[in-house]
Amino acid sequence: MSRYALVERKTLETSIRLEIDLDSRQKSVISSGVDFFDHMLNSMSKHGRFYMNLSCKGDTHVDDHHTVEDTGICLGMAFREALGAKAGIRRFGYSMIPMDDALAVSVIDLSGRAYFRYTGSTLSGQIKNYSEELTIEFLRSFSDNAAMNLHVELKSGDNRHHIHEAIFKSVGVALRSAVSIDPEQDSAVPSTKGVI
């Protein structure tokens, strides 16, 4: 069974083509036009062990907000499509990832219900040209459009780069666990409702 999706989305602010394959080990090809964000998405896909091919042309002359938020929308839509009925998956994922001084925890439930919560120090500074609050915007739009519960907690961290990298890696590892096939599910949907 192929767990692949292609999403194309065009607005007056962005033009995005994004494809994912949850089971491919190809190296991701990511070009959002926001360099630091590309680095974070590469970390997320590498440690999440999924392939992503992203091309985005956005109004970065205004700022990077639309590009980052709309990429989250498209990635969420792609995950939802690639997972289909979610038969046989583990559904839940958890990870705690260190990056030197930074420690981030991510917990996921592919429940079919959107909910996002971030706890930890405020992300409101700049990393070169990247506004830190965009990480929260990305995670919220990703969670909303994937229809999943996503809780992210920053336990510690001083270096701003390390903080964001720990967050993106922890989300990737938690995703890897949640989307993985559980041999004990025997192709059943992991819910007492019979659908998620």
N, C-alpha and C. Protein backbone atom coordinates (compact mmCIF):
# COMPACT_ATOMS: atom_id res chain seq x y z
N MET A 1 0.84 -1.17 0.00
CA MET A 1 0.00 0.00 0.00
C MET A 1 0.89 1.24 0.00
N SER A 2 0.68 2.12 -0.96
CA SER A 2 1.45 3.35 -1.05
C SER A 2 0.89 4.41 -0.10
N ARG A 3 1.77 4.99 0.69
CA ARG A 3 1.36 6.07 1.58
C ARG A 3 2.02 7.36 1.07
N TYR A 4 1.45 7.83 -0.02
CA TYR A 4 2.00 8.95 -0.78
C TYR A 4 0.91 10.00 -0.97
N ALA A 5 1.32 11.25 -1.00
CA ALA A 5 0.36 12.31 -1.31
C ALA A 5 1.06 13.46 -2.01
N LEU A 6 0.33 14.10 -2.89
CA LEU A 6 0.79 15.31 -3.56
C LEU A 6 -0.25 16.39 -3.33
N VAL A 7 0.20 17.54 -2.82
CA VAL A 7 -0.68 18.68 -2.58
C VAL A 7 -0.14 19.88 -3.34
N GLU A 8 -1.01 20.52 -4.09
CA GLU A 8 -0.65 21.77 -4.76
C GLU A 8 -1.64 22.83 -4.30
N ARG A 9 -1.12 23.97 -3.89
CA ARG A 9 -1.97 25.03 -3.34
C ARG A 9 -1.45 26.38 -3.82
N LYS A 10 -2.33 27.15 -4.42
CA LYS A 10 -1.96 28.48 -4.90
C LYS A 10 -2.89 29.52 -4.33
N THR A 11 -2.30 30.56 -3.77
CA THR A 11 -3.05 31.72 -3.29
C THR A 11 -2.37 32.96 -3.84
N LEU A 12 -2.86 34.11 -3.48
CA LEU A 12 -2.20 35.35 -3.88
C LEU A 12 -0.89 35.57 -3.12
N GLU A 13 -0.66 34.75 -2.08
CA GLU A 13 0.53 34.90 -1.25
C GLU A 13 1.58 33.83 -1.48
N THR A 14 1.15 32.61 -1.81
CA THR A 14 2.10 31.51 -2.02
C THR A 14 1.64 30.58 -3.13
N SER A 15 2.63 29.92 -3.72
CA SER A 15 2.37 28.83 -4.67
C SER A 15 3.23 27.66 -4.22
N ILE A 16 2.55 26.59 -3.78
CA ILE A 16 3.25 25.47 -3.15
C ILE A 16 2.93 24.16 -3.86
N ARG A 17 3.99 23.39 -4.08
CA ARG A 17 3.85 22.00 -4.53
C ARG A 17 4.59 21.15 -3.52
N LEU A 18 3.89 20.23 -2.88
CA LEU A 18 4.49 19.43 -1.82
C LEU A 18 4.07 17.98 -1.99
N GLU A 19 5.03 17.10 -2.02
CA GLU A 19 4.72 15.66 -2.05
C GLU A 19 5.46 14.98 -0.91
N ILE A 20 4.81 13.98 -0.34
CA ILE A 20 5.43 13.17 0.70
C ILE A 20 5.22 11.70 0.39
N ASP A 21 6.14 10.90 0.87
CA ASP A 21 6.02 9.45 0.85
C ASP A 21 6.47 8.98 2.22
N LEU A 22 5.56 8.42 2.98
CA LEU A 22 5.85 8.07 4.37
C LEU A 22 6.79 6.88 4.50
N ASP A 23 6.99 6.14 3.42
CA ASP A 23 7.80 4.94 3.50
C ASP A 23 9.05 4.99 2.63
N SER A 24 9.27 6.09 1.94
CA SER A 24 10.45 6.22 1.08
C SER A 24 11.63 6.71 1.90
N ARG A 25 12.80 6.18 1.59
CA ARG A 25 14.03 6.61 2.26
C ARG A 25 14.86 7.54 1.37
N GLN A 26 14.23 8.06 0.30
CA GLN A 26 14.93 9.05 -0.51
C GLN A 26 15.26 10.28 0.33
N LYS A 27 16.28 10.99 -0.07
CA LYS A 27 16.62 12.24 0.60
C LYS A 27 15.64 13.32 0.19
N SER A 28 15.10 14.03 1.17
CA SER A 28 14.12 15.07 0.88
C SER A 28 14.75 16.22 0.09
N VAL A 29 13.90 16.86 -0.71
CA VAL A 29 14.32 18.02 -1.51
C VAL A 29 13.40 19.17 -1.10
N ILE A 30 13.95 20.13 -0.39
CA ILE A 30 13.13 21.16 0.24
C ILE A 30 13.60 22.55 -0.15
N SER A 31 12.69 23.32 -0.73
CA SER A 31 13.01 24.69 -1.13
C SER A 31 11.80 25.58 -0.87
N SER A 32 11.77 26.18 0.32
CA SER A 32 10.65 27.05 0.69
C SER A 32 10.95 28.52 0.40
N GLY A 33 12.23 28.83 0.20
CA GLY A 33 12.62 30.23 0.06
C GLY A 33 13.00 30.85 1.39
N VAL A 34 12.90 30.07 2.48
CA VAL A 34 13.29 30.53 3.82
C VAL A 34 14.34 29.55 4.32
N ASP A 35 15.60 29.95 4.28
CA ASP A 35 16.71 29.03 4.48
C ASP A 35 16.69 28.30 5.81
N PHE A 36 16.48 29.00 6.91
CA PHE A 36 16.48 28.35 8.21
C PHE A 36 15.32 27.35 8.32
N PHE A 37 14.18 27.71 7.79
CA PHE A 37 13.01 26.83 7.77
C PHE A 37 13.31 25.57 6.97
N ASP A 38 13.99 25.71 5.82
CA ASP A 38 14.39 24.54 5.03
C ASP A 38 15.24 23.59 5.87
N HIS A 39 16.18 24.15 6.63
CA HIS A 39 17.06 23.35 7.49
C HIS A 39 16.23 22.59 8.53
N MET A 40 15.23 23.25 9.10
CA MET A 40 14.38 22.60 10.11
C MET A 40 13.53 21.49 9.48
N LEU A 41 12.95 21.75 8.30
CA LEU A 41 12.14 20.74 7.62
C LEU A 41 12.99 19.54 7.22
N ASN A 42 14.22 19.78 6.81
CA ASN A 42 15.12 18.67 6.49
C ASN A 42 15.39 17.82 7.71
N SER A 43 15.59 18.46 8.86
CA SER A 43 15.80 17.71 10.11
C SER A 43 14.56 16.90 10.47
N MET A 44 13.40 17.52 10.32
CA MET A 44 12.14 16.84 10.66
C MET A 44 11.91 15.63 9.77
N SER A 45 12.11 15.77 8.46
CA SER A 45 11.86 14.65 7.55
C SER A 45 12.92 13.57 7.70
N LYS A 46 14.16 13.97 7.92
CA LYS A 46 15.24 12.99 8.10
C LYS A 46 14.98 12.10 9.32
N HIS A 47 14.67 12.73 10.44
CA HIS A 47 14.46 11.95 11.68
C HIS A 47 13.06 11.35 11.74
N GLY A 48 12.14 11.89 10.97
CA GLY A 48 10.82 11.28 10.83
C GLY A 48 10.79 10.16 9.82
N ARG A 49 11.89 10.03 9.07
CA ARG A 49 12.07 8.98 8.05
C ARG A 49 10.97 8.99 7.00
N PHE A 50 10.60 10.19 6.55
CA PHE A 50 9.68 10.29 5.43
C PHE A 50 10.29 11.20 4.38
N TYR A 51 9.88 10.99 3.15
CA TYR A 51 10.38 11.79 2.02
C TYR A 51 9.46 12.98 1.81
N MET A 52 10.07 14.15 1.63
CA MET A 52 9.31 15.34 1.30
C MET A 52 9.99 16.06 0.15
N ASN A 53 9.19 16.42 -0.83
CA ASN A 53 9.66 17.25 -1.94
C ASN A 53 8.82 18.51 -1.92
N LEU A 54 9.43 19.63 -1.55
CA LEU A 54 8.71 20.89 -1.36
C LEU A 54 9.29 21.97 -2.25
N SER A 55 8.39 22.62 -2.98
CA SER A 55 8.75 23.82 -3.74
C SER A 55 7.73 24.89 -3.39
N CYS A 56 8.22 26.03 -2.93
CA CYS A 56 7.33 27.12 -2.55
C CYS A 56 7.85 28.43 -3.10
N LYS A 57 6.96 29.16 -3.72
CA LYS A 57 7.26 30.54 -4.13
C LYS A 57 6.30 31.41 -3.33
N GLY A 58 6.84 32.18 -2.39
CA GLY A 58 6.01 32.99 -1.52
C GLY A 58 6.39 34.45 -1.53
N ASP A 59 5.56 35.25 -0.90
CA ASP A 59 5.80 36.69 -0.86
C ASP A 59 6.77 37.03 0.28
N THR A 60 7.97 36.46 0.20
CA THR A 60 8.97 36.68 1.24
C THR A 60 9.51 38.12 1.23
N HIS A 61 9.20 38.87 0.18
CA HIS A 61 9.55 40.30 0.18
C HIS A 61 8.71 41.05 1.22
N VAL A 62 7.55 40.48 1.57
CA VAL A 62 6.72 41.06 2.65
C VAL A 62 7.30 40.57 3.98
N ASP A 63 7.22 39.27 4.21
CA ASP A 63 7.93 38.57 5.28
C ASP A 63 7.74 37.08 5.03
N ASP A 64 8.20 36.25 5.96
CA ASP A 64 8.19 34.80 5.75
C ASP A 64 6.94 34.11 6.28
N HIS A 65 6.04 34.87 6.90
CA HIS A 65 4.90 34.29 7.59
C HIS A 65 4.03 33.42 6.67
N HIS A 66 3.62 33.95 5.53
CA HIS A 66 2.72 33.20 4.64
C HIS A 66 3.36 31.92 4.15
N THR A 67 4.65 31.98 3.82
CA THR A 67 5.36 30.80 3.34
C THR A 67 5.38 29.70 4.39
N VAL A 68 5.73 30.05 5.62
CA VAL A 68 5.85 29.05 6.69
C VAL A 68 4.48 28.49 7.07
N GLU A 69 3.50 29.37 7.26
CA GLU A 69 2.16 28.91 7.63
C GLU A 69 1.53 28.05 6.53
N ASP A 70 1.64 28.49 5.28
CA ASP A 70 1.02 27.75 4.18
C ASP A 70 1.72 26.41 3.93
N THR A 71 3.02 26.35 4.21
CA THR A 71 3.72 25.06 4.12
C THR A 71 3.16 24.10 5.17
N GLY A 72 2.89 24.61 6.38
CA GLY A 72 2.27 23.77 7.41
C GLY A 72 0.90 23.27 6.99
N ILE A 73 0.12 24.14 6.34
CA ILE A 73 -1.20 23.73 5.82
C ILE A 73 -1.04 22.58 4.83
N CYS A 74 -0.13 22.75 3.87
CA CYS A 74 0.05 21.73 2.83
C CYS A 74 0.61 20.43 3.39
N LEU A 75 1.56 20.53 4.33
CA LEU A 75 2.12 19.31 4.91
C LEU A 75 1.06 18.56 5.70
N GLY A 76 0.22 19.28 6.43
CA GLY A 76 -0.87 18.63 7.16
C GLY A 76 -1.84 17.94 6.22
N MET A 77 -2.22 18.62 5.14
CA MET A 77 -3.12 18.02 4.15
C MET A 77 -2.50 16.77 3.55
N ALA A 78 -1.19 16.83 3.27
CA ALA A 78 -0.50 15.69 2.66
C ALA A 78 -0.46 14.50 3.61
N PHE A 79 -0.16 14.74 4.88
CA PHE A 79 -0.15 13.64 5.85
C PHE A 79 -1.53 13.00 5.96
N ARG A 80 -2.54 13.83 6.01
CA ARG A 80 -3.90 13.30 6.13
C ARG A 80 -4.27 12.42 4.94
N GLU A 81 -3.91 12.89 3.75
CA GLU A 81 -4.20 12.11 2.54
C GLU A 81 -3.38 10.83 2.49
N ALA A 82 -2.09 10.92 2.80
CA ALA A 82 -1.21 9.75 2.72
C ALA A 82 -1.62 8.66 3.71
N LEU A 83 -2.17 9.05 4.85
CA LEU A 83 -2.56 8.07 5.87
C LEU A 83 -3.91 7.42 5.58
N GLY A 84 -4.71 8.04 4.73
CA GLY A 84 -6.00 7.45 4.36
C GLY A 84 -6.86 7.15 5.57
N ALA A 85 -7.35 5.93 5.67
CA ALA A 85 -8.22 5.52 6.79
C ALA A 85 -7.43 5.23 8.06
N LYS A 86 -6.10 5.27 7.97
CA LYS A 86 -5.19 5.06 9.11
C LYS A 86 -5.23 3.62 9.64
N ALA A 87 -5.64 2.71 8.81
CA ALA A 87 -5.70 1.31 9.22
C ALA A 87 -4.30 0.79 9.52
N GLY A 88 -4.17 0.13 10.66
CA GLY A 88 -2.93 -0.55 11.01
C GLY A 88 -1.84 0.32 11.62
N ILE A 89 -2.06 1.62 11.74
CA ILE A 89 -1.01 2.47 12.28
C ILE A 89 -0.99 2.42 13.81
N ARG A 90 0.12 2.86 14.39
CA ARG A 90 0.22 2.92 15.85
C ARG A 90 -0.63 4.05 16.42
N ARG A 91 -0.81 5.11 15.67
CA ARG A 91 -1.63 6.26 16.00
C ARG A 91 -0.96 7.24 16.97
N PHE A 92 -0.34 6.76 18.02
CA PHE A 92 0.28 7.62 19.01
C PHE A 92 1.80 7.67 18.82
N GLY A 93 2.37 8.83 19.07
CA GLY A 93 3.82 8.96 18.99
C GLY A 93 4.34 9.88 20.07
N TYR A 94 5.53 9.57 20.56
CA TYR A 94 6.14 10.34 21.63
C TYR A 94 7.64 10.39 21.39
N SER A 95 8.24 11.55 21.65
CA SER A 95 9.70 11.62 21.61
C SER A 95 10.20 12.72 22.52
N MET A 96 11.38 12.50 23.07
CA MET A 96 12.10 13.51 23.84
C MET A 96 13.49 13.60 23.22
N ILE A 97 13.80 14.76 22.65
CA ILE A 97 15.03 14.91 21.88
C ILE A 97 15.90 16.03 22.44
N PRO A 98 17.18 15.71 22.74
CA PRO A 98 18.10 16.75 23.16
C PRO A 98 18.85 17.32 21.95
N MET A 99 19.25 18.55 22.04
CA MET A 99 20.19 19.17 21.10
C MET A 99 21.09 20.05 21.95
N ASP A 100 22.13 19.43 22.49
CA ASP A 100 23.04 20.09 23.41
C ASP A 100 22.26 20.66 24.61
N ASP A 101 22.16 21.98 24.71
CA ASP A 101 21.48 22.61 25.85
C ASP A 101 19.97 22.52 25.77
N ALA A 102 19.43 22.24 24.59
CA ALA A 102 17.98 22.23 24.39
C ALA A 102 17.41 20.82 24.55
N LEU A 103 16.20 20.76 25.11
CA LEU A 103 15.49 19.49 25.26
C LEU A 103 14.02 19.72 24.94
N ALA A 104 13.52 19.00 23.94
CA ALA A 104 12.14 19.17 23.49
C ALA A 104 11.40 17.85 23.52
N VAL A 105 10.12 17.93 23.88
CA VAL A 105 9.24 16.77 23.93
C VAL A 105 8.08 17.00 22.96
N SER A 106 7.75 15.99 22.18
CA SER A 106 6.58 16.05 21.30
C SER A 106 5.73 14.80 21.51
N VAL A 107 4.42 15.01 21.58
CA VAL A 107 3.47 13.91 21.74
C VAL A 107 2.37 14.09 20.69
N ILE A 108 2.07 13.02 19.96
CA ILE A 108 1.13 13.08 18.84
C ILE A 108 0.05 12.01 18.99
N ASP A 109 -1.17 12.39 18.64
CA ASP A 109 -2.27 11.44 18.48
C ASP A 109 -2.91 11.75 17.13
N LEU A 110 -2.84 10.82 16.22
CA LEU A 110 -3.46 10.98 14.89
C LEU A 110 -4.94 10.63 15.01
N SER A 111 -5.63 11.45 15.75
CA SER A 111 -6.98 11.16 16.22
C SER A 111 -8.09 11.57 15.27
N GLY A 112 -7.75 12.38 14.25
CA GLY A 112 -8.79 12.96 13.41
C GLY A 112 -9.35 14.24 14.01
N ARG A 113 -8.80 14.67 15.14
CA ARG A 113 -9.21 15.91 15.79
C ARG A 113 -8.00 16.83 15.90
N ALA A 114 -8.16 18.06 15.50
CA ALA A 114 -7.06 19.01 15.52
C ALA A 114 -6.96 19.68 16.89
N TYR A 115 -5.75 19.62 17.46
CA TYR A 115 -5.47 20.36 18.69
C TYR A 115 -3.97 20.55 18.77
N PHE A 116 -3.54 21.78 19.04
CA PHE A 116 -2.11 22.07 19.18
C PHE A 116 -1.87 22.83 20.46
N ARG A 117 -0.80 22.45 21.15
CA ARG A 117 -0.40 23.19 22.34
C ARG A 117 1.11 23.20 22.45
N TYR A 118 1.65 24.39 22.65
CA TYR A 118 3.08 24.55 22.91
C TYR A 118 3.25 25.09 24.32
N THR A 119 4.16 24.51 25.08
CA THR A 119 4.52 25.04 26.39
C THR A 119 6.04 25.14 26.46
N GLY A 120 6.49 26.18 27.11
CA GLY A 120 7.93 26.42 27.23
C GLY A 120 8.20 27.90 27.08
N SER A 121 9.48 28.23 26.98
CA SER A 121 9.83 29.64 26.86
C SER A 121 9.26 30.23 25.58
N THR A 122 8.97 31.50 25.61
CA THR A 122 8.38 32.19 24.46
C THR A 122 9.37 32.22 23.30
N LEU A 123 8.86 31.89 22.13
CA LEU A 123 9.68 31.94 20.90
C LEU A 123 9.35 33.24 20.20
N SER A 124 10.14 34.26 20.45
CA SER A 124 9.79 35.58 19.92
C SER A 124 10.99 36.37 19.40
N GLY A 125 12.13 35.73 19.28
CA GLY A 125 13.32 36.43 18.78
C GLY A 125 13.54 36.19 17.30
N GLN A 126 14.76 36.39 16.88
CA GLN A 126 15.16 36.20 15.49
C GLN A 126 16.35 35.26 15.43
N ILE A 127 16.37 34.39 14.43
CA ILE A 127 17.55 33.61 14.09
C ILE A 127 17.91 34.03 12.68
N LYS A 128 18.91 34.86 12.56
CA LYS A 128 19.22 35.54 11.31
C LYS A 128 17.97 36.28 10.84
N ASN A 129 17.36 35.86 9.73
CA ASN A 129 16.14 36.53 9.25
C ASN A 129 14.85 35.80 9.66
N TYR A 130 14.99 34.70 10.38
CA TYR A 130 13.84 33.87 10.72
C TYR A 130 13.22 34.33 12.03
N SER A 131 11.94 34.65 12.01
CA SER A 131 11.21 35.03 13.23
C SER A 131 10.79 33.77 13.97
N GLU A 132 11.22 33.66 15.22
CA GLU A 132 11.00 32.42 15.97
C GLU A 132 9.54 32.02 16.11
N GLU A 133 8.64 33.00 16.19
CA GLU A 133 7.23 32.65 16.37
C GLU A 133 6.66 31.89 15.17
N LEU A 134 7.38 31.92 14.05
CA LEU A 134 6.91 31.18 12.87
C LEU A 134 6.90 29.67 13.10
N THR A 135 7.76 29.19 13.97
CA THR A 135 7.75 27.76 14.30
C THR A 135 6.40 27.37 14.90
N ILE A 136 5.86 28.21 15.77
CA ILE A 136 4.54 27.95 16.37
C ILE A 136 3.46 28.00 15.30
N GLU A 137 3.54 28.99 14.39
CA GLU A 137 2.56 29.09 13.30
C GLU A 137 2.59 27.86 12.41
N PHE A 138 3.79 27.37 12.11
CA PHE A 138 3.93 26.16 11.29
C PHE A 138 3.30 24.96 11.99
N LEU A 139 3.65 24.75 13.24
CA LEU A 139 3.16 23.58 13.97
C LEU A 139 1.64 23.61 14.12
N ARG A 140 1.09 24.80 14.38
CA ARG A 140 -0.37 24.91 14.52
C ARG A 140 -1.06 24.59 13.19
N SER A 141 -0.60 25.16 12.08
CA SER A 141 -1.26 24.92 10.80
C SER A 141 -1.06 23.46 10.35
N PHE A 142 0.10 22.88 10.68
CA PHE A 142 0.35 21.47 10.38
C PHE A 142 -0.62 20.59 11.15
N SER A 143 -0.74 20.81 12.44
CA SER A 143 -1.64 20.03 13.30
C SER A 143 -3.09 20.18 12.85
N ASP A 144 -3.52 21.41 12.60
CA ASP A 144 -4.91 21.65 12.18
C ASP A 144 -5.26 20.90 10.91
N ASN A 145 -4.37 20.93 9.94
CA ASN A 145 -4.68 20.33 8.64
C ASN A 145 -4.41 18.84 8.57
N ALA A 146 -3.60 18.33 9.48
CA ALA A 146 -3.42 16.88 9.58
C ALA A 146 -4.51 16.26 10.46
N ALA A 147 -5.29 17.12 11.13
CA ALA A 147 -6.32 16.67 12.08
C ALA A 147 -5.72 15.76 13.14
N MET A 148 -4.70 16.30 13.81
CA MET A 148 -4.03 15.53 14.86
C MET A 148 -3.87 16.38 16.11
N ASN A 149 -3.74 15.69 17.23
CA ASN A 149 -3.33 16.33 18.47
C ASN A 149 -1.80 16.41 18.45
N LEU A 150 -1.26 17.59 18.72
CA LEU A 150 0.18 17.77 18.79
C LEU A 150 0.50 18.64 20.00
N HIS A 151 1.20 18.05 20.94
CA HIS A 151 1.66 18.78 22.11
C HIS A 151 3.18 18.85 22.04
N VAL A 152 3.72 20.05 22.14
CA VAL A 152 5.17 20.26 22.12
C VAL A 152 5.55 21.02 23.37
N GLU A 153 6.54 20.49 24.09
CA GLU A 153 7.02 21.16 25.28
C GLU A 153 8.53 21.35 25.18
N LEU A 154 8.97 22.58 25.36
CA LEU A 154 10.39 22.88 25.44
C LEU A 154 10.78 22.82 26.91
N LYS A 155 11.59 21.83 27.26
CA LYS A 155 11.99 21.62 28.65
C LYS A 155 13.11 22.57 29.06
N SER A 156 14.05 22.79 28.12
CA SER A 156 15.18 23.67 28.42
C SER A 156 15.82 24.11 27.12
N GLY A 157 16.67 25.12 27.22
CA GLY A 157 17.40 25.57 26.04
C GLY A 157 17.80 27.03 26.13
N ASP A 158 19.01 27.31 25.70
CA ASP A 158 19.53 28.67 25.66
C ASP A 158 19.84 29.10 24.23
N ASN A 159 20.47 28.22 23.47
CA ASN A 159 20.82 28.54 22.09
C ASN A 159 19.58 28.44 21.22
N ARG A 160 19.24 29.53 20.54
CA ARG A 160 17.98 29.59 19.79
C ARG A 160 17.95 28.56 18.65
N HIS A 161 19.04 28.39 17.95
CA HIS A 161 19.09 27.39 16.88
C HIS A 161 18.83 25.99 17.45
N HIS A 162 19.50 25.68 18.54
CA HIS A 162 19.34 24.36 19.16
C HIS A 162 17.90 24.12 19.60
N ILE A 163 17.27 25.15 20.13
CA ILE A 163 15.87 25.03 20.57
C ILE A 163 14.97 24.59 19.42
N HIS A 164 15.06 25.29 18.30
CA HIS A 164 14.18 24.99 17.17
C HIS A 164 14.52 23.63 16.55
N GLU A 165 15.79 23.33 16.49
CA GLU A 165 16.17 22.04 15.92
C GLU A 165 15.69 20.88 16.78
N ALA A 166 15.78 21.03 18.10
CA ALA A 166 15.26 19.99 18.99
C ALA A 166 13.75 19.82 18.81
N ILE A 167 13.04 20.93 18.65
CA ILE A 167 11.59 20.86 18.44
C ILE A 167 11.26 20.13 17.15
N PHE A 168 11.86 20.53 16.04
CA PHE A 168 11.54 19.92 14.75
C PHE A 168 11.94 18.44 14.72
N LYS A 169 13.09 18.12 15.32
CA LYS A 169 13.49 16.71 15.36
C LYS A 169 12.52 15.90 16.21
N SER A 170 12.11 16.45 17.34
CA SER A 170 11.21 15.69 18.22
C SER A 170 9.86 15.47 17.56
N VAL A 171 9.36 16.45 16.82
CA VAL A 171 8.11 16.26 16.08
C VAL A 171 8.30 15.17 15.02
N GLY A 172 9.42 15.19 14.32
CA GLY A 172 9.69 14.16 13.31
C GLY A 172 9.71 12.76 13.89
N VAL A 173 10.41 12.59 15.01
CA VAL A 173 10.52 11.25 15.63
C VAL A 173 9.17 10.79 16.15
N ALA A 174 8.40 11.70 16.75
CA ALA A 174 7.05 11.33 17.22
C ALA A 174 6.15 10.95 16.05
N LEU A 175 6.26 11.66 14.94
CA LEU A 175 5.49 11.31 13.73
C LEU A 175 5.86 9.92 13.23
N ARG A 176 7.17 9.65 13.21
CA ARG A 176 7.64 8.34 12.74
C ARG A 176 6.98 7.22 13.52
N SER A 177 6.89 7.39 14.82
CA SER A 177 6.25 6.37 15.65
C SER A 177 4.75 6.30 15.38
N ALA A 178 4.08 7.45 15.30
CA ALA A 178 2.63 7.47 15.14
C ALA A 178 2.16 6.88 13.81
N VAL A 179 2.91 7.12 12.73
CA VAL A 179 2.49 6.62 11.41
C VAL A 179 2.96 5.21 11.13
N SER A 180 3.83 4.67 11.99
CA SER A 180 4.37 3.34 11.73
C SER A 180 3.27 2.28 11.83
N ILE A 181 3.46 1.24 11.06
CA ILE A 181 2.49 0.14 11.04
C ILE A 181 2.70 -0.74 12.27
N ASP A 182 1.63 -1.00 12.98
CA ASP A 182 1.66 -1.86 14.16
C ASP A 182 1.22 -3.26 13.75
N PRO A 183 2.14 -4.23 13.77
CA PRO A 183 1.79 -5.58 13.33
C PRO A 183 0.68 -6.22 14.16
N GLU A 184 0.47 -5.74 15.37
CA GLU A 184 -0.57 -6.31 16.22
C GLU A 184 -1.95 -5.73 15.90
N GLN A 185 -2.00 -4.67 15.08
CA GLN A 185 -3.30 -4.08 14.71
C GLN A 185 -4.02 -4.91 13.65
N ASP A 186 -3.26 -5.70 12.88
CA ASP A 186 -3.86 -6.55 11.85
C ASP A 186 -4.77 -5.75 10.92
N SER A 187 -4.27 -4.59 10.47
CA SER A 187 -4.97 -3.70 9.53
C SER A 187 -6.24 -3.08 10.10
N ALA A 188 -6.41 -3.15 11.40
CA ALA A 188 -7.58 -2.52 12.01
C ALA A 188 -7.30 -1.04 12.24
N VAL A 189 -8.36 -0.26 12.29
CA VAL A 189 -8.22 1.16 12.66
C VAL A 189 -8.07 1.23 14.17
N PRO A 190 -7.04 1.91 14.67
CA PRO A 190 -6.79 1.92 16.12
C PRO A 190 -7.72 2.88 16.87
N SER A 191 -8.97 2.52 16.94
CA SER A 191 -9.95 3.32 17.67
C SER A 191 -11.14 2.46 18.05
N THR A 192 -11.70 2.70 19.21
CA THR A 192 -12.91 1.98 19.61
C THR A 192 -14.11 2.40 18.75
N LYS A 193 -14.01 3.54 18.08
CA LYS A 193 -15.07 4.00 17.19
C LYS A 193 -15.05 3.26 15.86
N GLY A 194 -13.89 2.68 15.52
CA GLY A 194 -13.74 2.00 14.23
C GLY A 194 -13.34 2.94 13.11
N VAL A 195 -13.19 4.24 13.43
CA VAL A 195 -12.78 5.22 12.43
C VAL A 195 -12.11 6.38 13.15
N ILE A 196 -11.05 6.91 12.52
CA ILE A 196 -10.41 8.13 13.06
C ILE A 196 -10.07 9.07 11.91
